[in-house]
Protein backbone atom coordinates (compact mmCIF):
# COMPACT_ATOMS: atom_id res chain seq x y z
CA MET A 1 -5.05 -0.17 18.46
CA PHE A 2 -4.60 0.81 14.78
CA SER A 3 -7.12 2.63 12.58
CA ALA A 4 -7.18 -0.03 9.82
CA GLU A 5 -8.24 -3.64 10.28
CA PRO A 6 -5.53 -6.25 9.60
CA PRO A 7 -5.83 -8.23 6.35
CA GLN A 8 -8.70 -10.71 6.55
CA GLU A 9 -8.52 -12.46 3.17
CA PRO A 10 -5.83 -14.09 1.01
CA LEU A 11 -4.33 -12.19 -1.91
CA PRO A 12 -6.86 -11.89 -4.76
CA TYR A 13 -7.08 -14.87 -7.13
CA GLY A 14 -9.48 -16.37 -9.68
CA ARG A 15 -12.62 -14.49 -10.63
CA TRP A 16 -12.20 -12.00 -7.79
CA ALA A 17 -8.72 -11.06 -9.08
CA GLU A 18 -10.18 -10.71 -12.59
CA ALA A 19 -12.92 -8.37 -11.33
CA LEU A 20 -10.40 -6.21 -9.47
CA ALA A 21 -7.98 -6.28 -12.43
CA GLU A 22 -10.65 -4.96 -14.78
CA ARG A 23 -11.11 -1.89 -12.58
CA PHE A 24 -7.39 -1.41 -11.90
CA LEU A 25 -6.48 -1.64 -15.60
CA GLU A 26 -9.17 0.89 -16.49
CA ALA A 27 -7.54 3.41 -14.13
CA ALA A 28 -3.99 2.39 -15.14
CA ARG A 29 -4.54 2.80 -18.89
CA ASP A 30 -4.87 6.55 -18.40
CA GLU A 31 -1.42 6.62 -16.75
CA ALA A 32 0.54 3.93 -18.59
CA GLU A 33 2.64 4.88 -21.59
CA SER A 34 2.91 1.31 -22.85
CA GLU A 35 1.42 -2.18 -22.50
CA ILE A 36 0.69 -3.21 -18.89
CA GLY A 37 2.01 -6.56 -17.64
CA GLU A 38 0.82 -8.99 -14.97
CA ILE A 39 -0.67 -7.41 -11.85
CA THR A 40 0.85 -8.11 -8.44
CA TRP A 41 -1.73 -7.77 -5.65
CA PHE A 42 -1.01 -6.74 -2.06
CA PRO A 43 -2.89 -7.54 1.17
CA GLU A 44 -6.26 -5.81 1.54
CA ARG A 45 -6.94 -3.35 4.36
CA LEU A 46 -10.25 -2.01 5.63
CA TYR A 47 -10.39 1.65 6.67
CA VAL A 48 -13.55 3.65 7.50
CA GLY A 49 -15.81 1.11 5.81
CA ARG A 50 -13.83 0.82 2.56
CA THR A 51 -11.54 -2.04 1.64
CA TYR A 52 -8.35 -1.09 -0.24
CA VAL A 53 -6.51 -3.64 -2.40
CA PRO A 54 -3.22 -2.20 -3.72
CA ALA A 55 -1.59 -3.38 -6.94
CA VAL A 56 1.54 -2.92 -9.07
CA ALA A 57 2.03 -3.89 -12.71
CA PRO A 58 5.09 -3.46 -14.96
CA MET A 59 4.88 -1.46 -18.19
CA ALA A 60 6.44 -2.94 -21.33
CA GLU A 61 8.56 0.17 -22.00
CA GLY A 62 9.89 0.29 -18.41
CA GLY A 63 8.58 1.57 -15.13
CA GLU A 64 5.40 0.37 -13.51
CA VAL A 65 1.83 1.36 -12.76
CA CYS A 66 0.90 1.50 -9.06
CA GLY A 67 -2.47 2.00 -7.46
CA TYR A 68 -5.40 0.38 -5.75
CA VAL A 69 -8.98 -0.76 -6.10
CA SER A 70 -11.30 0.06 -3.22
CA TYR A 71 -14.85 -1.02 -2.53
CA PHE A 72 -17.57 -1.05 0.10
CA ARG A 73 -19.13 -4.17 1.60
CA GLU A 74 -22.27 -3.89 3.76
CA HIS A 75 -21.16 -6.82 5.95
CA GLU A 76 -18.89 -9.86 5.77
CA GLY A 77 -20.02 -12.11 2.94
CA ALA A 78 -22.02 -9.35 1.21
CA GLN A 79 -21.49 -8.37 -2.40
CA ALA A 80 -18.81 -5.71 -2.97
CA THR A 81 -20.21 -2.40 -4.27
CA ASP A 82 -19.16 1.20 -4.93
CA PHE A 83 -15.83 0.33 -6.58
CA HIS A 84 -13.17 3.00 -7.08
CA ALA A 85 -9.75 2.57 -8.67
CA ASP A 86 -6.78 4.92 -8.80
CA ALA A 87 -3.38 4.47 -10.46
CA TYR A 88 -0.18 6.34 -11.27
CA ALA A 89 2.91 5.54 -13.32
CA THR A 90 6.47 5.65 -11.99
CA GLU A 91 9.88 5.12 -13.52
CA ASP A 92 11.48 4.35 -10.12
CA THR A 93 11.52 0.58 -9.70
CA ALA A 94 13.32 -1.81 -7.37
CA GLY A 95 15.04 -3.40 -10.38
CA ASP A 96 16.80 -0.10 -11.08
CA ASN A 97 17.71 0.51 -7.42
CA PRO A 98 19.67 -2.42 -5.99
CA ASP A 99 20.35 -0.49 -2.76
CA TRP A 100 16.66 -0.45 -1.77
CA THR A 101 15.66 -2.67 1.15
CA LEU A 102 11.93 -1.97 0.75
CA ASP A 103 10.01 -1.25 -2.45
CA LEU A 104 7.37 1.28 -1.32
CA ASN A 105 4.32 2.86 -2.97
CA ASP A 106 1.82 5.26 -1.45
CA GLU A 107 -1.39 7.14 -2.10
CA GLU A 108 -3.25 9.68 0.02
CA ILE A 109 -6.75 8.35 0.79
CA GLY A 110 -8.04 10.90 3.27
CA HIS A 111 -7.46 13.87 5.53
CA TYR A 112 -7.24 14.16 9.31
CA ARG A 113 -8.09 17.14 11.50
CA GLY A 114 -6.66 16.98 14.98
CA GLY A 115 -6.87 19.26 17.97
CA GLN A 116 -5.55 22.81 17.95
CA GLY A 117 -5.99 23.09 14.17
CA ARG A 118 -3.44 20.39 13.37
CA ARG A 119 -3.95 18.60 10.08
CA GLY A 120 -2.53 15.49 8.49
CA LYS A 121 -3.05 13.04 5.66
CA VAL A 122 -4.27 9.46 5.80
CA THR A 123 -1.93 7.48 3.56
CA LEU A 124 -2.18 4.00 2.09
CA VAL A 125 1.31 2.44 1.87
CA TRP A 126 2.06 -0.86 0.19
CA GLY A 127 5.29 -2.56 -0.68
CA GLU A 128 7.57 -5.52 -0.80
CA ALA A 129 10.44 -6.54 1.44
CA LEU A 130 13.65 -6.79 -0.60
CA VAL A 131 15.68 -8.33 2.21
CA PRO A 132 15.12 -11.90 3.45
CA ASN A 133 13.35 -13.12 6.60
CA GLY A 134 10.87 -10.27 7.04
CA ALA A 135 7.78 -11.02 9.12
CA VAL A 136 6.08 -7.71 9.95
CA ALA A 137 6.13 -4.20 8.44
CA THR A 138 5.17 -1.11 10.44
CA THR A 139 4.61 2.57 9.85
CA GLU A 140 6.18 4.95 12.32
CA LEU A 141 5.12 8.58 12.71
CA GLY A 142 7.70 10.20 14.93
CA PRO A 143 7.97 8.01 18.05
CA THR A 144 4.61 6.28 17.47
CA THR A 145 3.90 3.01 15.62
CA THR A 146 0.75 3.85 13.65
CA ASP A 147 0.11 0.53 11.84
CA GLN A 148 1.53 -2.94 11.28
CA CYS A 149 0.96 -5.76 8.80
CA GLU A 150 2.24 -9.32 8.69
CA LEU A 151 3.93 -10.05 5.37
CA ILE A 152 2.11 -12.21 2.83
CA ASP A 153 4.50 -13.44 0.10
CA ASN A 154 6.92 -10.68 1.20
CA ARG A 155 4.19 -8.05 0.60
CA PHE A 156 2.45 -5.70 3.03
CA THR A 157 -0.16 -2.93 3.14
CA LEU A 158 -0.34 -0.22 5.78
CA ILE A 159 -2.64 2.75 6.48
CA SER A 160 -1.27 5.58 8.56
CA LEU A 161 -1.60 9.20 9.53
CA ASP A 162 1.15 11.15 7.73
CA ASP A 163 2.49 14.70 7.52
CA TYR A 164 1.24 15.46 11.03
CA THR A 165 2.92 17.84 13.51
CA GLY A 166 6.02 17.91 11.31
CA ASP A 167 6.40 14.12 11.24
CA TYR A 168 6.36 11.94 8.14
CA ILE A 169 5.94 8.18 7.78
CA GLU A 170 8.88 5.82 8.04
CA VAL A 171 8.35 2.14 7.17
CA ARG A 172 10.22 -0.51 9.15
CA LEU A 173 10.59 -4.23 8.55
CA TYR A 174 11.05 -6.69 11.40
CA GLY A 175 11.98 -10.37 11.46
CA ALA A 176 10.08 -13.12 13.28
CA LYS A 177 12.13 -12.59 16.49
CA GLY A 178 11.62 -8.81 16.48
CA ALA A 179 14.95 -7.70 15.03
CA GLU A 180 14.74 -4.68 12.72
CA LEU A 181 15.80 -5.71 9.20
CA ALA A 182 15.13 -2.56 7.19
CA ARG A 183 14.00 1.04 7.56
CA GLU A 184 12.96 3.46 4.80
CA PRO A 185 11.38 6.90 4.96
CA LEU A 186 8.35 7.19 2.72
CA TYR A 187 9.73 10.36 1.16
CA GLU A 188 13.24 11.05 -0.03
CA GLU A 189 14.95 13.80 1.92
CA GLU A 190 15.70 16.90 -0.14
């Protein structure tokens, strides 16, 4: 139903987390203006043969570095290859915005060409629920749910078509019984 596979593995830990961290920190050092703190990992998602593992890490002077590590795996159980990492720094953090209900990050990972010359972006979205009792996060593009992810430690990762036919992603958080708990557009309205 959705273009990305749901998370298949637990959040990175041990030697696997160290291997991913090495690549993430290499990309983050170019963006960070100060020392980088402990990395928080988000659920992995597989899209078009690549697995994306998003991450966020605080910077000592304030703000945080956000990004992902992606890789290719020939088949389940095979060695990960063809690593790529991307990162960016931001001063906007949940700690400085107590009114936020979701702490969202995003990165464009591809392009989409639809019928009649319509174009869109494929966007990786990851975040954390800042309100209690969340169970599932979704991306909505206009009237259509384009992805969903069960929360793991209050964290989620989504992959969705974005900026298509005049519609932009909105992220919604639902509780275990289906009640909507939070709703945030991916982009601030001008």
